Protein backbone atom coordinates (compact mmCIF):
# COMPACT_ATOMS: atom_id res chain seq x y z
CA MET A 1 -61.03 28.11 -4.67
CA PHE A 2 -62.80 30.64 -7.20
CA ASP A 3 -61.71 28.65 -10.27
CA LYS A 4 -66.15 28.27 -11.38
CA THR A 5 -67.49 31.14 -9.41
CA ALA A 6 -64.87 34.13 -10.07
CA ARG A 7 -66.84 36.05 -13.06
CA TYR A 8 -69.79 35.73 -10.14
CA TYR A 9 -67.23 37.41 -7.66
CA ASP A 10 -68.51 41.26 -8.10
CA LYS A 11 -71.79 40.30 -7.87
CA ILE A 12 -72.49 38.43 -5.23
CA SER A 13 -70.20 41.58 -3.69
CA SER A 14 -72.65 44.37 -5.24
CA PHE A 15 -73.81 44.92 -1.21
CA LYS A 16 -70.62 46.22 -0.41
CA ASP A 17 -69.72 50.18 -1.78
CA TYR A 18 -65.66 50.10 -2.99
CA LYS A 19 -65.94 53.48 -3.21
CA ALA A 20 -67.14 54.89 0.30
CA GLU A 21 -64.82 52.09 1.73
CA ALA A 22 -61.57 53.32 -0.70
CA GLU A 23 -62.87 57.04 0.87
CA ARG A 24 -62.35 56.03 4.49
CA LEU A 25 -59.21 54.29 4.04
CA MET A 26 -57.50 57.44 2.38
CA ALA A 27 -58.63 59.29 5.40
CA LEU A 28 -57.17 56.35 7.72
CA PHE A 29 -53.82 56.72 5.73
CA LYS A 30 -54.21 60.45 5.79
CA GLU A 31 -54.59 60.56 9.73
CA HIS A 32 -52.02 57.09 10.49
CA GLN A 33 -49.00 58.35 8.02
CA ARG A 34 -46.39 61.47 8.96
CA SER A 35 -45.42 61.72 6.01
CA GLY A 36 -46.77 61.91 1.93
CA ALA A 37 -47.56 58.35 0.67
CA THR A 38 -47.57 57.45 -2.92
CA ARG A 39 -47.04 53.58 -3.46
CA LEU A 40 -49.38 51.51 -2.41
CA LEU A 41 -50.08 47.35 -2.37
CA ASP A 42 -53.29 45.73 -1.69
CA VAL A 43 -52.84 42.47 -0.53
CA ALA A 44 -55.71 39.92 -1.89
CA CYS A 45 -56.70 41.94 -3.31
CA GLY A 46 -59.43 40.29 -5.71
CA THR A 47 -61.25 41.28 -8.66
CA GLY A 48 -59.57 44.85 -7.59
CA ARG A 49 -62.30 47.20 -6.26
CA HIS A 50 -60.44 49.11 -3.97
CA LEU A 51 -57.90 49.74 -6.36
CA GLU A 52 -60.12 51.27 -9.41
CA TYR A 53 -60.57 54.47 -6.49
CA LEU A 54 -57.52 54.07 -4.87
CA ARG A 55 -55.53 54.27 -8.90
CA ASP A 56 -55.69 57.76 -8.81
CA ARG A 57 -54.40 59.16 -5.43
CA TYR A 58 -51.70 56.35 -5.42
CA GLU A 59 -49.76 54.03 -7.92
CA VAL A 60 -51.41 50.70 -6.59
CA GLU A 61 -50.29 47.44 -6.94
CA GLY A 62 -52.60 44.40 -6.33
CA LEU A 63 -51.55 40.84 -5.39
CA ASP A 64 -54.09 37.90 -4.65
CA ILE A 65 -53.58 33.96 -4.86
CA SER A 66 -56.27 33.64 -7.31
CA LEU A 67 -55.58 33.13 -11.04
CA GLU A 68 -59.51 33.56 -12.13
CA LEU A 69 -59.71 36.76 -10.05
CA LEU A 70 -56.44 38.15 -11.21
CA ALA A 71 -57.62 38.02 -14.42
CA ILE A 72 -60.77 39.62 -14.06
CA ALA A 73 -58.58 42.57 -11.74
CA ARG A 74 -56.20 43.24 -15.15
CA GLN A 75 -58.94 43.52 -17.40
CA ARG A 76 -60.85 46.07 -15.18
CA GLN A 77 -58.03 48.16 -14.07
CA PRO A 78 -54.45 47.72 -17.36
CA GLY A 79 -51.80 49.71 -16.45
CA ILE A 80 -51.46 48.41 -13.06
CA HIS A 81 -49.23 45.50 -12.02
CA PHE A 82 -51.01 42.58 -10.14
CA HIS A 83 -48.36 40.10 -8.71
CA HIS A 84 -49.66 36.12 -8.44
CA ALA A 85 -48.45 35.36 -4.93
CA ASP A 86 -49.64 33.91 -1.56
CA MET A 87 -49.29 36.30 1.24
CA THR A 88 -47.40 34.23 4.02
CA ALA A 89 -44.83 33.79 1.37
CA PHE A 90 -44.69 36.93 -1.12
CA ASP A 91 -40.88 38.80 -2.27
CA LEU A 92 -41.63 41.92 -4.39
CA GLY A 93 -38.38 43.16 -4.31
CA LYS A 94 -39.40 46.77 -3.51
CA PRO A 95 -41.20 49.00 -0.83
CA PHE A 96 -44.90 51.05 0.18
CA ASP A 97 -46.12 53.00 1.92
CA ILE A 98 -49.13 51.52 2.42
CA VAL A 99 -50.08 47.82 2.55
CA THR A 100 -53.62 46.48 2.58
CA CYS A 101 -55.05 43.51 3.51
CA LEU A 102 -59.26 43.76 3.20
CA PHE A 103 -62.36 42.54 3.17
CA SER A 104 -61.39 40.04 6.10
CA SER A 105 -59.36 38.21 3.92
CA ILE A 106 -56.56 37.47 6.36
CA GLY A 107 -58.87 34.94 8.04
CA TYR A 108 -57.66 32.32 5.13
CA VAL A 109 -54.14 32.27 6.51
CA LYS A 110 -55.73 29.20 9.20
CA THR A 111 -53.52 29.43 11.74
CA LEU A 112 -51.49 31.77 13.93
CA LYS A 113 -48.37 30.45 12.37
CA ASN A 114 -49.48 31.01 9.67
CA LEU A 115 -51.09 35.00 10.47
CA SER A 116 -47.45 35.67 11.90
CA ARG A 117 -45.69 34.59 8.54
CA ALA A 118 -48.67 36.57 6.37
CA VAL A 119 -47.80 40.00 8.80
CA THR A 120 -44.13 39.85 8.55
CA CYS A 121 -44.58 39.36 5.06
CA MET A 122 -46.64 42.42 4.34
CA ALA A 123 -44.82 44.40 7.55
CA ARG A 124 -41.14 43.36 5.20
CA HIS A 125 -42.58 45.65 2.17
CA LEU A 126 -43.19 48.70 4.38
CA GLU A 127 -41.04 51.99 3.98
CA SER A 128 -40.19 53.49 6.95
CA GLY A 129 -42.82 55.17 8.93
CA GLY A 130 -44.97 53.29 6.63
CA LEU A 131 -48.92 51.40 7.04
CA LEU A 132 -50.18 48.02 7.08
CA VAL A 133 -53.82 48.15 7.27
CA ILE A 134 -56.06 45.16 7.96
CA GLU A 135 -59.26 44.18 7.79
CA PRO A 136 -59.71 41.30 10.14
CA TRP A 137 -62.19 38.35 10.48
CA PHE A 138 -64.73 37.56 12.87
CA THR A 139 -63.15 36.63 16.29
CA PRO A 140 -63.96 33.45 18.06
CA ASP A 141 -66.38 35.42 20.24
CA THR A 142 -68.47 37.47 17.16
CA TRP A 143 -68.09 33.93 15.39
CA ARG A 144 -72.15 32.57 15.44
CA PRO A 145 -72.63 28.49 14.20
CA GLY A 146 -75.19 27.53 13.08
CA THR A 147 -76.54 30.20 11.86
CA VAL A 148 -77.88 30.23 8.00
CA HIS A 149 -77.38 33.26 5.22
CA ALA A 150 -78.25 33.93 1.76
CA ILE A 151 -77.77 36.54 -0.93
CA PHE A 152 -79.58 36.51 -3.85
CA ILE A 153 -79.24 38.12 -7.10
CA ASP A 154 -82.28 38.67 -9.68
CA GLU A 155 -81.64 40.35 -13.31
CA PRO A 156 -82.82 39.50 -16.42
CA GLU A 157 -81.14 36.65 -17.91
CA LEU A 158 -78.48 35.54 -14.65
CA LYS A 159 -80.64 34.39 -10.92
CA ILE A 160 -78.06 33.48 -8.17
CA ALA A 161 -79.01 31.86 -5.36
CA ARG A 162 -76.13 31.54 -2.77
CA ILE A 163 -76.88 29.52 0.54
CA ASN A 164 -74.54 28.89 3.31
CA THR A 165 -74.63 27.33 7.44
CA SER A 166 -72.90 28.28 9.54
CA PHE A 167 -69.61 26.16 11.55
CA ALA A 168 -66.65 26.47 13.60
CA ILE A 169 -64.42 23.65 14.20
CA GLY A 170 -61.95 24.58 17.02
CA ARG A 171 -60.27 28.16 16.04
CA LEU A 172 -61.03 27.74 12.57
CA SER A 173 -64.66 28.99 10.72
CA VAL A 174 -66.58 26.56 8.39
CA PHE A 175 -68.88 26.37 5.15
CA ASP A 176 -69.80 25.37 2.26
CA LEU A 177 -70.71 28.10 -0.35
CA HIS A 178 -73.99 26.49 -2.25
CA TYR A 179 -74.34 28.13 -5.58
CA VAL A 180 -77.45 28.08 -7.67
CA ILE A 181 -76.55 30.12 -11.09
CA GLY A 182 -79.35 30.54 -13.76
CA THR A 183 -78.18 31.79 -17.34
CA PRO A 184 -79.86 31.22 -20.74
CA ALA A 185 -77.81 28.35 -21.38
CA GLY A 186 -79.24 26.88 -18.00
CA THR A 187 -78.97 26.48 -14.41
CA GLU A 188 -75.64 24.81 -12.46
CA HIS A 189 -75.19 24.64 -8.54
CA LEU A 190 -71.66 24.95 -7.69
CA VAL A 191 -69.81 24.15 -3.55
CA GLU A 192 -66.90 26.31 -2.30
CA HIS A 193 -65.78 25.04 0.92
CA HIS A 194 -64.16 27.71 2.92
CA GLU A 195 -62.03 27.68 6.15
CA LEU A 196 -60.89 30.86 7.59
CA GLY A 197 -59.23 31.25 10.90
CA LEU A 198 -60.53 32.70 14.11
CA PHE A 199 -58.46 34.73 15.93
CA THR A 200 -58.56 37.67 18.76
CA THR A 201 -58.34 40.89 18.98
CA GLU A 202 -55.34 40.48 21.13
CA GLU A 203 -53.89 37.72 18.74
CA MET A 204 -54.26 40.20 15.64
CA GLY A 205 -52.20 43.20 17.80
CA ALA A 206 -49.50 40.95 18.49
CA ALA A 207 -49.05 39.70 15.63
CA LEU A 208 -48.65 43.16 13.59
CA THR A 209 -46.44 44.26 16.97
CA ALA A 210 -44.10 41.45 17.02
CA ALA A 211 -43.77 42.93 13.00
CA GLY A 212 -42.65 45.24 14.55
CA LEU A 213 -44.76 47.87 14.28
CA ASP A 214 -46.72 50.49 16.41
CA VAL A 215 -50.30 49.25 16.39
CA THR A 216 -53.80 51.26 16.23
CA PHE A 217 -56.96 49.52 16.05
CA ASP A 218 -59.78 51.07 14.90
CA HIS A 219 -62.92 49.26 15.98
CA GLN A 220 -65.84 49.90 13.31
CA GLY A 221 -63.53 49.68 10.27
CA LEU A 222 -65.17 49.72 6.71
CA MET A 223 -68.13 47.41 7.60
CA GLY A 224 -68.28 47.36 10.90
CA ARG A 225 -65.31 44.16 11.53
CA GLY A 226 -62.89 46.47 12.64
CA LEU A 227 -58.83 48.08 10.76
CA PHE A 228 -55.50 46.84 12.10
CA ILE A 229 -53.37 50.36 11.27
CA GLY A 230 -49.65 48.98 11.95
CA ARG A 231 -46.81 52.06 11.15
CA ARG A 232 -43.04 51.05 10.70
CA SER A 233 -41.32 52.86 12.79
CA ASP A 234 -39.13 55.92 11.31
């Protein structure tokens, strides 16, 4: 999906305050973890920006399905082990104290069946008493079909306009991200097609409960979409 636009991913996501989000996460870890945590896995880690601020406190690893985003993460964060895998079916052969899945990446599983597979897979990688923290995508009630969105980057030698219109097909949110990218080498137009599942809060919570986790929902979360916090029973 990101084979042509990965190099611009962090530019487009520059509205996110990864440092503040990492600090918020660490406060939540401390609040919900019964014992000290040292090992952390970030699923759908993208270019590794959260790990950039978590690595000083934890032994961190990342996992993502995009080779292009992982290449950037490895270059930015030498010394961190990054895994290429699908969040619905991975086995790293070792447990972690904390597993995170942030920036609403869980929506890319699309279906309730795959949601269950992903949550079960992540929960299986938790130590006893460990935490699974998932930042959800929009719910069916909060997704707004027919709305238009845009992000603009204006630098001396880089201009980007990313524009999309939001649609819904059944329980999927659907949108094409249109990029117009200008550099000294020329201007190009790229299109990325995205489909993310629209899961209710109850469906998300049920998936964590079914995976054997005690679930808490933080309504504010990192950017207003909430956070599901599941703790594996001791």
